[in-house]
């Protein structure tokens, strides 16, 4: 079992920055990939960024150059540094972890609101 707890959400003006954190606990040694997803009002949940246990990262096109995902293995924590935020980034951001054997875990989400 893996438990994920997000933090760092809040309300910022366009152009501002936020840093989200996701602390993992439980069977953390089985985690292969962690990531961030987001769900805007009235929209489906979408991928934002992922990071593998080896440190390889991937981003959705709309956040490339603005968001950075990173991981602190010693703290079992993944981060999402968000800069140059846009109103379109407003969403509930969910932390995600995938283990091997394949299981998927989700945090409860943290709200990010970007005002124009």
N, C-alpha and C. Protein backbone atom coordinates (compact mmCIF):
# COMPACT_ATOMS: atom_id res chain seq x y z
N UNK A 1 0.82 -1.18 0.00
CA UNK A 1 0.00 0.00 0.00
C UNK A 1 0.87 1.25 0.00
N UNK A 2 0.43 2.24 -0.74
CA UNK A 2 1.10 3.52 -0.81
C UNK A 2 0.10 4.61 -0.48
N UNK A 3 0.51 5.51 0.37
CA UNK A 3 -0.31 6.66 0.70
C UNK A 3 0.37 7.92 0.17
N UNK A 4 -0.41 8.80 -0.41
CA UNK A 4 0.09 10.02 -1.01
C UNK A 4 -0.65 11.21 -0.42
N UNK A 5 0.09 12.20 0.00
CA UNK A 5 -0.50 13.40 0.57
C UNK A 5 0.09 14.61 -0.12
N UNK A 6 -0.77 15.38 -0.79
CA UNK A 6 -0.34 16.58 -1.47
C UNK A 6 -0.43 17.79 -0.56
N UNK A 7 0.39 18.78 -0.86
CA UNK A 7 0.33 20.04 -0.16
C UNK A 7 0.90 21.12 -1.07
N UNK A 8 0.66 22.36 -0.71
CA UNK A 8 1.25 23.47 -1.43
C UNK A 8 0.31 24.22 -2.34
N UNK A 9 -0.90 23.75 -2.47
CA UNK A 9 -1.85 24.45 -3.31
C UNK A 9 -2.26 25.78 -2.70
N UNK A 10 -2.86 26.60 -3.52
CA UNK A 10 -3.30 27.90 -3.05
C UNK A 10 -3.78 28.75 -4.19
N UNK A 11 -3.95 30.01 -3.91
CA UNK A 11 -4.43 30.97 -4.90
C UNK A 11 -3.34 31.97 -5.22
N UNK A 12 -3.07 32.15 -6.50
CA UNK A 12 -2.06 33.09 -6.96
C UNK A 12 -2.57 33.85 -8.17
N UNK A 13 -1.93 34.95 -8.44
CA UNK A 13 -2.24 35.71 -9.64
C UNK A 13 -1.48 35.16 -10.82
N UNK A 14 -1.99 35.41 -12.00
CA UNK A 14 -1.31 34.99 -13.21
C UNK A 14 0.13 35.49 -13.21
N UNK A 15 1.03 34.62 -13.62
CA UNK A 15 2.44 34.95 -13.62
C UNK A 15 3.15 34.54 -12.35
N UNK A 16 2.41 34.15 -11.35
CA UNK A 16 3.00 33.75 -10.09
C UNK A 16 3.50 32.33 -10.10
N UNK A 17 3.96 31.90 -8.94
CA UNK A 17 4.54 30.57 -8.80
C UNK A 17 4.00 29.86 -7.58
N UNK A 18 3.99 28.55 -7.65
CA UNK A 18 3.65 27.70 -6.53
C UNK A 18 4.49 26.44 -6.62
N UNK A 19 4.73 25.85 -5.48
CA UNK A 19 5.44 24.58 -5.43
C UNK A 19 4.58 23.56 -4.69
N UNK A 20 4.18 22.54 -5.40
CA UNK A 20 3.40 21.48 -4.82
C UNK A 20 4.31 20.37 -4.32
N UNK A 21 3.90 19.74 -3.25
CA UNK A 21 4.65 18.63 -2.69
C UNK A 21 3.73 17.43 -2.55
N UNK A 22 4.30 16.26 -2.71
CA UNK A 22 3.57 15.02 -2.52
C UNK A 22 4.45 14.07 -1.73
N UNK A 23 4.03 13.79 -0.52
CA UNK A 23 4.77 12.89 0.34
C UNK A 23 4.19 11.49 0.24
N UNK A 24 5.04 10.54 -0.05
CA UNK A 24 4.63 9.14 -0.17
C UNK A 24 5.05 8.36 1.05
N UNK A 25 4.19 7.47 1.45
CA UNK A 25 4.50 6.59 2.57
C UNK A 25 3.92 5.21 2.30
N UNK A 26 4.34 4.25 3.09
CA UNK A 26 3.90 2.89 2.88
C UNK A 26 4.96 2.09 2.14
N UNK A 27 4.53 1.35 1.13
CA UNK A 27 5.44 0.51 0.35
C UNK A 27 6.14 1.33 -0.72
N UNK A 28 6.93 2.29 -0.28
CA UNK A 28 7.51 3.25 -1.20
C UNK A 28 8.56 2.64 -2.11
N UNK A 29 9.16 1.55 -1.70
CA UNK A 29 10.22 0.95 -2.51
C UNK A 29 9.69 0.30 -3.78
N UNK A 30 8.41 0.11 -3.86
CA UNK A 30 7.79 -0.48 -5.03
C UNK A 30 7.38 0.54 -6.08
N UNK A 31 7.55 1.82 -5.80
CA UNK A 31 7.12 2.86 -6.72
C UNK A 31 8.09 2.99 -7.88
N UNK A 32 7.56 2.93 -9.09
CA UNK A 32 8.36 3.10 -10.30
C UNK A 32 8.23 4.50 -10.89
N UNK A 33 7.02 5.03 -10.86
CA UNK A 33 6.74 6.32 -11.46
C UNK A 33 5.85 7.12 -10.53
N UNK A 34 6.13 8.39 -10.42
CA UNK A 34 5.24 9.30 -9.74
C UNK A 34 4.93 10.45 -10.68
N UNK A 35 3.79 11.04 -10.46
CA UNK A 35 3.40 12.12 -11.34
C UNK A 35 2.36 13.02 -10.74
N UNK A 36 2.07 14.03 -11.50
CA UNK A 36 1.03 14.98 -11.15
C UNK A 36 0.00 15.01 -12.26
N UNK A 37 -1.24 14.95 -11.87
CA UNK A 37 -2.36 15.13 -12.76
C UNK A 37 -3.18 16.30 -12.25
N UNK A 38 -4.03 16.82 -13.11
CA UNK A 38 -4.89 17.90 -12.67
C UNK A 38 -6.26 17.75 -13.30
N UNK A 39 -7.23 18.29 -12.62
CA UNK A 39 -8.60 18.26 -13.11
C UNK A 39 -9.21 19.63 -12.90
N UNK A 40 -9.47 20.30 -14.00
CA UNK A 40 -10.09 21.61 -13.97
C UNK A 40 -11.60 21.46 -13.88
N UNK A 41 -12.28 22.49 -13.44
CA UNK A 41 -13.74 22.41 -13.34
C UNK A 41 -14.38 22.02 -14.67
N UNK A 42 -15.21 21.01 -14.64
CA UNK A 42 -15.90 20.57 -15.83
C UNK A 42 -15.06 19.80 -16.82
N UNK A 43 -13.82 19.50 -16.47
CA UNK A 43 -12.91 18.83 -17.38
C UNK A 43 -12.49 17.48 -16.83
N UNK A 44 -11.94 16.65 -17.70
CA UNK A 44 -11.41 15.37 -17.27
C UNK A 44 -10.03 15.55 -16.65
N UNK A 45 -9.65 14.60 -15.85
CA UNK A 45 -8.32 14.62 -15.27
C UNK A 45 -7.29 14.40 -16.36
N UNK A 46 -6.23 15.20 -16.34
CA UNK A 46 -5.21 15.11 -17.35
C UNK A 46 -3.82 15.03 -16.73
N UNK A 47 -2.93 14.42 -17.47
CA UNK A 47 -1.54 14.33 -17.04
C UNK A 47 -0.88 15.69 -17.08
N UNK A 48 -0.09 15.99 -16.07
CA UNK A 48 0.72 17.19 -16.05
C UNK A 48 2.20 16.84 -16.24
N UNK A 49 2.70 15.97 -15.39
CA UNK A 49 4.11 15.61 -15.44
C UNK A 49 4.32 14.30 -14.73
N UNK A 50 5.35 13.57 -15.13
CA UNK A 50 5.73 12.33 -14.47
C UNK A 50 7.23 12.29 -14.28
N UNK A 51 7.65 11.50 -13.32
CA UNK A 51 9.07 11.27 -13.10
C UNK A 51 9.25 9.83 -12.70
N UNK A 52 10.22 9.16 -13.32
CA UNK A 52 10.48 7.77 -13.03
C UNK A 52 11.45 7.64 -11.87
N UNK A 53 11.61 6.42 -11.41
CA UNK A 53 12.56 6.16 -10.34
C UNK A 53 13.98 6.50 -10.77
N UNK A 54 14.24 6.47 -12.07
CA UNK A 54 15.54 6.83 -12.58
C UNK A 54 15.71 8.31 -12.85
N UNK A 55 14.67 9.08 -12.67
CA UNK A 55 14.75 10.52 -12.82
C UNK A 55 14.31 11.06 -14.16
N UNK A 56 13.84 10.21 -15.05
CA UNK A 56 13.36 10.69 -16.34
C UNK A 56 12.03 11.39 -16.16
N UNK A 57 11.89 12.54 -16.81
CA UNK A 57 10.69 13.34 -16.67
C UNK A 57 9.96 13.49 -17.99
N UNK A 58 8.67 13.68 -17.89
CA UNK A 58 7.83 13.97 -19.04
C UNK A 58 6.79 14.99 -18.62
N UNK A 59 6.41 15.83 -19.57
CA UNK A 59 5.46 16.89 -19.30
C UNK A 59 4.44 16.98 -20.41
N UNK A 60 3.25 17.38 -20.03
CA UNK A 60 2.28 17.70 -21.05
C UNK A 60 2.71 19.00 -21.72
N UNK A 61 2.38 19.14 -22.99
CA UNK A 61 2.89 20.24 -23.79
C UNK A 61 2.57 21.61 -23.20
N UNK A 62 1.42 21.74 -22.61
CA UNK A 62 0.98 23.05 -22.14
C UNK A 62 1.78 23.58 -20.95
N UNK A 63 2.53 22.72 -20.28
CA UNK A 63 3.29 23.17 -19.11
C UNK A 63 4.79 23.13 -19.34
N UNK A 64 5.23 22.67 -20.48
CA UNK A 64 6.66 22.59 -20.75
C UNK A 64 7.30 23.98 -20.67
N UNK A 65 8.41 24.04 -19.99
CA UNK A 65 9.10 25.30 -19.81
C UNK A 65 8.61 26.11 -18.65
N UNK A 66 7.48 25.74 -18.08
CA UNK A 66 6.93 26.47 -16.94
C UNK A 66 6.93 25.65 -15.66
N UNK A 67 6.68 24.36 -15.79
CA UNK A 67 6.61 23.47 -14.63
C UNK A 67 7.82 22.56 -14.61
N UNK A 68 8.25 22.21 -13.42
CA UNK A 68 9.34 21.27 -13.24
C UNK A 68 8.96 20.25 -12.18
N UNK A 69 9.03 18.98 -12.53
CA UNK A 69 8.80 17.93 -11.56
C UNK A 69 10.14 17.42 -11.08
N UNK A 70 10.23 17.15 -9.81
CA UNK A 70 11.46 16.64 -9.23
C UNK A 70 11.13 15.70 -8.09
N UNK A 71 12.14 15.00 -7.63
CA UNK A 71 11.92 14.02 -6.57
C UNK A 71 13.07 14.05 -5.59
N UNK A 72 12.74 13.96 -4.33
CA UNK A 72 13.71 13.82 -3.27
C UNK A 72 13.52 12.43 -2.69
N UNK A 73 14.34 11.51 -3.13
CA UNK A 73 14.17 10.12 -2.72
C UNK A 73 14.35 9.93 -1.22
N UNK A 74 15.25 10.70 -0.63
CA UNK A 74 15.50 10.58 0.80
C UNK A 74 14.27 10.95 1.61
N UNK A 75 13.47 11.85 1.09
CA UNK A 75 12.27 12.30 1.77
C UNK A 75 11.00 11.64 1.24
N UNK A 76 11.17 10.78 0.25
CA UNK A 76 10.03 10.11 -0.38
C UNK A 76 8.99 11.12 -0.84
N UNK A 77 9.47 12.17 -1.45
CA UNK A 77 8.62 13.28 -1.83
C UNK A 77 8.88 13.69 -3.27
N UNK A 78 7.81 13.97 -3.98
CA UNK A 78 7.90 14.51 -5.33
C UNK A 78 7.34 15.92 -5.31
N UNK A 79 7.92 16.77 -6.13
CA UNK A 79 7.54 18.17 -6.16
C UNK A 79 7.12 18.56 -7.57
N UNK A 80 6.30 19.57 -7.62
CA UNK A 80 5.96 20.21 -8.88
C UNK A 80 6.13 21.70 -8.69
N UNK A 81 7.21 22.23 -9.25
CA UNK A 81 7.45 23.66 -9.22
C UNK A 81 6.74 24.28 -10.41
N UNK A 82 5.82 25.16 -10.13
CA UNK A 82 5.02 25.78 -11.17
C UNK A 82 5.33 27.27 -11.21
N UNK A 83 5.70 27.75 -12.36
CA UNK A 83 5.98 29.16 -12.55
C UNK A 83 5.20 29.66 -13.76
N UNK A 84 5.18 30.98 -13.89
CA UNK A 84 4.44 31.61 -14.98
C UNK A 84 3.03 31.04 -15.09
N UNK A 85 2.39 30.95 -13.96
CA UNK A 85 1.07 30.33 -13.91
C UNK A 85 0.05 31.13 -14.71
N UNK A 86 -0.84 30.41 -15.32
CA UNK A 86 -1.90 30.98 -16.13
C UNK A 86 -3.25 30.59 -15.55
N UNK A 87 -4.28 31.37 -15.83
CA UNK A 87 -5.61 30.99 -15.36
C UNK A 87 -6.01 29.58 -15.79
N UNK A 88 -5.54 29.15 -16.95
CA UNK A 88 -5.84 27.81 -17.42
C UNK A 88 -5.22 26.71 -16.59
N UNK A 89 -4.30 27.06 -15.71
CA UNK A 89 -3.70 26.08 -14.81
C UNK A 89 -4.57 25.80 -13.59
N UNK A 90 -5.61 26.56 -13.42
CA UNK A 90 -6.50 26.37 -12.29
C UNK A 90 -7.10 24.97 -12.33
N UNK A 91 -6.91 24.24 -11.26
CA UNK A 91 -7.38 22.86 -11.20
C UNK A 91 -7.07 22.29 -9.83
N UNK A 92 -7.66 21.15 -9.57
CA UNK A 92 -7.21 20.34 -8.45
C UNK A 92 -6.08 19.47 -8.96
N UNK A 93 -4.96 19.54 -8.30
CA UNK A 93 -3.78 18.79 -8.70
C UNK A 93 -3.66 17.55 -7.83
N UNK A 94 -3.52 16.41 -8.49
CA UNK A 94 -3.45 15.12 -7.81
C UNK A 94 -2.09 14.48 -7.98
N UNK A 95 -1.56 14.00 -6.91
CA UNK A 95 -0.34 13.20 -6.96
C UNK A 95 -0.70 11.77 -7.31
N UNK A 96 0.17 11.14 -8.06
CA UNK A 96 -0.05 9.79 -8.55
C UNK A 96 1.22 8.98 -8.39
N UNK A 97 1.06 7.71 -8.08
CA UNK A 97 2.19 6.80 -8.01
C UNK A 97 1.81 5.47 -8.62
N UNK A 98 2.74 4.89 -9.35
CA UNK A 98 2.54 3.57 -9.92
C UNK A 98 3.64 2.65 -9.42
N UNK A 99 3.22 1.48 -8.98
CA UNK A 99 4.16 0.51 -8.44
C UNK A 99 4.33 -0.67 -9.37
N UNK A 100 5.29 -1.52 -9.05
CA UNK A 100 5.47 -2.78 -9.73
C UNK A 100 5.52 -3.88 -8.69
N UNK A 101 4.65 -4.87 -8.77
CA UNK A 101 3.58 -5.10 -9.73
C UNK A 101 2.64 -3.91 -9.85
N UNK A 102 2.07 -3.76 -11.02
CA UNK A 102 1.34 -2.57 -11.37
C UNK A 102 0.14 -2.31 -10.46
N UNK A 103 0.21 -1.23 -9.75
CA UNK A 103 -0.89 -0.67 -8.99
C UNK A 103 -0.78 0.83 -9.08
N UNK A 104 -1.90 1.49 -9.03
CA UNK A 104 -1.93 2.94 -9.15
C UNK A 104 -2.56 3.53 -7.90
N UNK A 105 -1.93 4.55 -7.39
CA UNK A 105 -2.39 5.22 -6.18
C UNK A 105 -2.56 6.70 -6.45
N UNK A 106 -3.49 7.29 -5.74
CA UNK A 106 -3.80 8.71 -5.90
C UNK A 106 -3.87 9.40 -4.55
N UNK A 107 -3.41 10.63 -4.54
CA UNK A 107 -3.67 11.48 -3.41
C UNK A 107 -5.05 12.08 -3.52
N UNK A 108 -5.44 12.82 -2.52
CA UNK A 108 -6.76 13.42 -2.51
C UNK A 108 -6.83 14.74 -3.25
N UNK A 109 -5.69 15.30 -3.60
CA UNK A 109 -5.65 16.50 -4.41
C UNK A 109 -5.43 17.76 -3.59
N UNK A 110 -4.89 18.76 -4.26
CA UNK A 110 -4.71 20.08 -3.68
C UNK A 110 -5.11 21.11 -4.74
N UNK A 111 -5.86 22.10 -4.32
CA UNK A 111 -6.43 23.05 -5.25
C UNK A 111 -5.46 24.17 -5.57
N UNK A 112 -5.31 24.44 -6.85
CA UNK A 112 -4.53 25.57 -7.34
C UNK A 112 -5.47 26.48 -8.11
N UNK A 113 -5.53 27.72 -7.69
CA UNK A 113 -6.38 28.71 -8.36
C UNK A 113 -5.51 29.85 -8.85
N UNK A 114 -5.59 30.13 -10.13
CA UNK A 114 -4.80 31.20 -10.74
C UNK A 114 -5.77 32.24 -11.29
N UNK A 115 -5.67 33.43 -10.77
CA UNK A 115 -6.57 34.50 -11.18
C UNK A 115 -5.89 35.39 -12.21
N UNK A 116 -6.68 35.98 -13.07
CA UNK A 116 -6.16 36.87 -14.10
C UNK A 116 -6.08 38.29 -13.61
